[in-house]
Amino acid sequence: MPQAEFQTRLDAVRKEIARRDLDALVIYGDNYSFGDLCYLTNYFPKVRGGIAVVPRDGAISLLLNIGSRDVPFAKTLTWVEDVRASNQVGGDGAKLLKERGLDKGKIGLVDSGQGFPLPQLEEMRGALPQVSWQDCHSMLAPLRWVKSTRELAAMRAAGRVLKEVCDGAQAFIKQ
């Protein structure tokens, strides 16, 4: 999808952030539950997880559980400019939120797969005692359900390719 598609998604997410009177959103994703993170950033965690920090205003940051040498490659997989490496997403996430001036804010947490490693989540929350955390695990699902014209066209094209594969397989698959 082109970056314009993601800008439309970001605008919708920010509208919901404002409606809920949040200062930012932290979105966790990993290779088991990546839909929310990928929906907004186009980043699909291949091995370990990461977070997106989405302030109500300003640039998004991606904090990924990868080595620093992997950052240039990770940047090719997303439109997000600020991509950072981390071995401790919880502690480094807290530092990032402090850096953004969000250490006294009202922050929503999206972790629809409930995969954020508990020690890291507790470390992030513990390092930000003045943050008011709001569970927003189901916040992005309704936004993800609505498909744009471009998404529908891509899904139809993928369906046609899959149908060709299945039709072709009938010729050689036997009971």
Protein backbone atom coordinates (compact mmCIF):
# COMPACT_ATOMS: atom_id res chain seq x y z
CA MET A 1 0.00 0.00 0.00
CA PRO A 2 1.28 3.50 -0.71
CA GLN A 3 2.09 5.88 2.12
CA ALA A 4 -1.09 7.87 1.44
CA GLU A 5 -3.09 4.81 2.55
CA PHE A 6 -1.26 4.80 5.86
CA GLN A 7 -1.76 8.53 6.31
CA THR A 8 -5.52 7.98 6.03
CA ARG A 9 -5.26 5.24 8.66
CA LEU A 10 -3.12 7.44 10.91
CA ASP A 11 -5.66 10.25 10.64
CA ALA A 12 -8.45 7.86 11.70
CA VAL A 13 -6.39 6.54 14.63
CA ARG A 14 -5.54 10.07 15.77
CA LYS A 15 -9.20 11.00 15.61
CA GLU A 16 -9.94 8.08 17.95
CA ILE A 17 -7.02 9.08 20.21
CA ALA A 18 -8.52 12.57 20.49
CA ARG A 19 -12.05 11.20 21.03
CA ARG A 20 -10.76 9.15 23.97
CA ASP A 21 -8.81 12.17 25.26
CA LEU A 22 -5.49 10.32 25.10
CA ASP A 23 -2.10 11.92 24.62
CA ALA A 24 -0.63 8.92 22.81
CA LEU A 25 -1.09 5.30 21.92
CA VAL A 26 1.41 2.47 22.39
CA ILE A 27 0.74 -0.39 19.99
CA TYR A 28 2.44 -3.73 20.63
CA GLY A 29 2.84 -6.38 17.96
CA ASP A 30 4.84 -9.53 17.47
CA ASN A 31 5.03 -12.38 14.96
CA TYR A 32 1.90 -13.99 16.48
CA SER A 33 -0.27 -10.90 16.76
CA PHE A 34 0.88 -8.28 14.30
CA GLY A 35 -2.33 -6.92 12.76
CA ASP A 36 -2.64 -3.70 14.76
CA LEU A 37 1.03 -2.77 14.38
CA CYS A 38 1.11 -3.65 10.69
CA TYR A 39 -2.17 -1.86 9.96
CA LEU A 40 -0.68 1.47 10.96
CA THR A 41 3.03 1.09 10.16
CA ASN A 42 3.22 -1.66 7.50
CA TYR A 43 5.83 -3.32 9.74
CA PHE A 44 5.43 -7.05 10.26
CA PRO A 45 7.61 -8.38 13.10
CA LYS A 46 9.32 -11.47 11.70
CA VAL A 47 10.79 -12.84 14.91
CA ARG A 48 10.36 -10.67 18.00
CA GLY A 49 7.97 -7.90 18.90
CA GLY A 50 8.02 -4.17 18.94
CA ILE A 51 5.95 -1.12 19.70
CA ALA A 52 4.75 1.90 17.84
CA VAL A 53 4.40 5.12 19.80
CA VAL A 54 1.68 7.22 18.22
CA PRO A 55 1.37 10.67 19.81
CA ARG A 56 -1.79 12.67 19.25
CA ASP A 57 0.40 15.05 17.24
CA GLY A 58 3.86 14.56 15.80
CA ALA A 59 5.88 11.73 14.32
CA ILE A 60 5.32 8.06 15.02
CA SER A 61 8.23 6.02 16.37
CA LEU A 62 8.84 2.30 15.97
CA LEU A 63 10.84 0.61 18.71
CA LEU A 64 11.69 -2.88 17.52
CA ASN A 65 13.27 -5.81 19.30
CA ILE A 66 16.08 -6.06 16.74
CA GLY A 67 19.78 -5.30 16.66
CA SER A 68 20.96 -1.87 15.58
CA ARG A 69 22.52 -3.36 12.45
CA ASP A 70 19.01 -4.47 11.38
CA VAL A 71 17.51 -0.97 11.51
CA PRO A 72 18.37 -0.04 7.88
CA PHE A 73 16.57 -3.16 6.64
CA ALA A 74 13.61 -2.60 8.99
CA LYS A 75 13.25 0.92 7.55
CA THR A 76 12.64 -0.59 4.11
CA LEU A 77 9.56 -2.38 5.50
CA THR A 78 7.74 0.67 6.85
CA TRP A 79 6.93 4.25 6.00
CA VAL A 80 7.78 5.33 9.59
CA GLU A 81 10.94 7.45 9.65
CA ASP A 82 11.90 6.98 13.30
CA VAL A 83 12.83 3.30 13.62
CA ARG A 84 14.89 2.28 16.63
CA ALA A 85 16.46 -0.95 17.85
CA SER A 86 15.91 -2.28 21.35
CA ASN A 87 16.64 -5.39 23.37
CA GLN A 88 14.28 -4.19 26.12
CA VAL A 89 11.17 -2.76 24.50
CA GLY A 90 9.60 -2.03 27.90
CA GLY A 91 12.44 0.01 29.39
CA ASP A 92 13.34 1.66 26.10
CA GLY A 93 9.66 2.34 25.45
CA ALA A 94 9.49 4.23 28.75
CA LYS A 95 12.56 6.26 27.75
CA LEU A 96 10.98 7.06 24.39
CA LEU A 97 7.75 8.20 26.03
CA LYS A 98 9.77 10.41 28.42
CA GLU A 99 11.75 11.80 25.47
CA ARG A 100 8.44 12.74 23.84
CA GLY A 101 7.23 14.49 27.01
CA LEU A 102 4.55 11.87 27.60
CA ASP A 103 5.72 10.75 31.05
CA LYS A 104 2.74 12.43 32.72
CA GLY A 105 0.23 11.77 29.99
CA LYS A 106 -2.80 9.65 29.40
CA ILE A 107 -1.64 6.77 27.20
CA GLY A 108 -3.64 4.03 25.57
CA LEU A 109 -2.16 0.54 25.22
CA VAL A 110 -3.12 -1.62 22.25
CA ASP A 111 -2.09 -5.24 22.65
CA SER A 112 -4.95 -7.16 21.10
CA GLY A 113 -3.02 -10.44 21.19
CA GLN A 114 -1.97 -9.89 24.81
CA GLY A 115 1.59 -10.79 23.80
CA PHE A 116 3.57 -7.92 25.33
CA PRO A 117 6.00 -9.82 27.60
CA LEU A 118 4.76 -9.12 31.12
CA PRO A 119 8.17 -8.23 32.63
CA GLN A 120 8.74 -5.69 29.85
CA LEU A 121 5.23 -4.27 30.16
CA GLU A 122 5.62 -3.95 33.93
CA GLU A 123 9.02 -2.29 33.44
CA MET A 124 7.52 0.28 31.07
CA ARG A 125 4.59 1.00 33.37
CA GLY A 126 6.81 1.08 36.47
CA ALA A 127 9.20 3.57 34.89
CA LEU A 128 6.27 5.90 34.17
CA PRO A 129 4.44 6.17 37.50
CA GLN A 130 2.62 9.37 36.51
CA VAL A 131 1.18 7.97 33.31
CA SER A 132 -2.49 7.13 33.31
CA TRP A 133 -2.69 3.91 31.27
CA GLN A 134 -5.88 3.03 29.41
CA ASP A 135 -6.51 -0.41 27.92
CA CYS A 136 -7.37 0.14 24.27
CA HIS A 137 -6.86 -3.41 23.01
CA SER A 138 -9.94 -3.38 20.79
CA MET A 139 -9.57 0.21 19.58
CA LEU A 140 -8.07 -0.53 16.17
CA ALA A 141 -10.25 -3.50 15.20
CA PRO A 142 -13.23 -1.44 14.00
CA LEU A 143 -10.87 0.76 11.97
CA ARG A 144 -9.22 -2.32 10.44
CA TRP A 145 -12.60 -3.80 9.43
CA VAL A 146 -13.40 -0.92 7.08
CA LYS A 147 -11.53 -1.49 3.82
CA SER A 148 -10.58 1.24 1.39
CA THR A 149 -11.10 0.89 -2.36
CA ARG A 150 -7.38 0.19 -2.73
CA GLU A 151 -7.47 -2.56 -0.06
CA LEU A 152 -10.51 -4.19 -1.63
CA ALA A 153 -8.82 -4.21 -5.04
CA ALA A 154 -5.70 -5.84 -3.55
CA MET A 155 -7.82 -8.45 -1.76
CA ARG A 156 -9.71 -9.24 -4.98
CA ALA A 157 -6.44 -9.59 -6.91
CA ALA A 158 -5.05 -11.93 -4.24
CA GLY A 159 -8.28 -13.96 -4.36
CA ARG A 160 -7.98 -14.34 -8.15
CA VAL A 161 -4.38 -15.60 -7.81
CA LEU A 162 -5.43 -18.06 -5.11
CA LYS A 163 -8.29 -19.31 -7.28
CA GLU A 164 -5.85 -19.92 -10.16
CA VAL A 165 -3.56 -21.89 -7.85
CA CYS A 166 -6.44 -23.99 -6.52
CA ASP A 167 -7.87 -24.59 -10.00
CA GLY A 168 -4.44 -25.64 -11.27
CA ALA A 169 -3.86 -27.95 -8.30
CA GLN A 170 -7.01 -29.92 -9.12
CA ALA A 171 -5.25 -31.30 -12.16
CA PHE A 172 -2.66 -33.22 -10.14
CA ILE A 173 -4.05 -33.67 -6.62
CA LYS A 174 -5.64 -37.10 -6.25
CA GLN A 175 -7.35 -38.88 -3.37
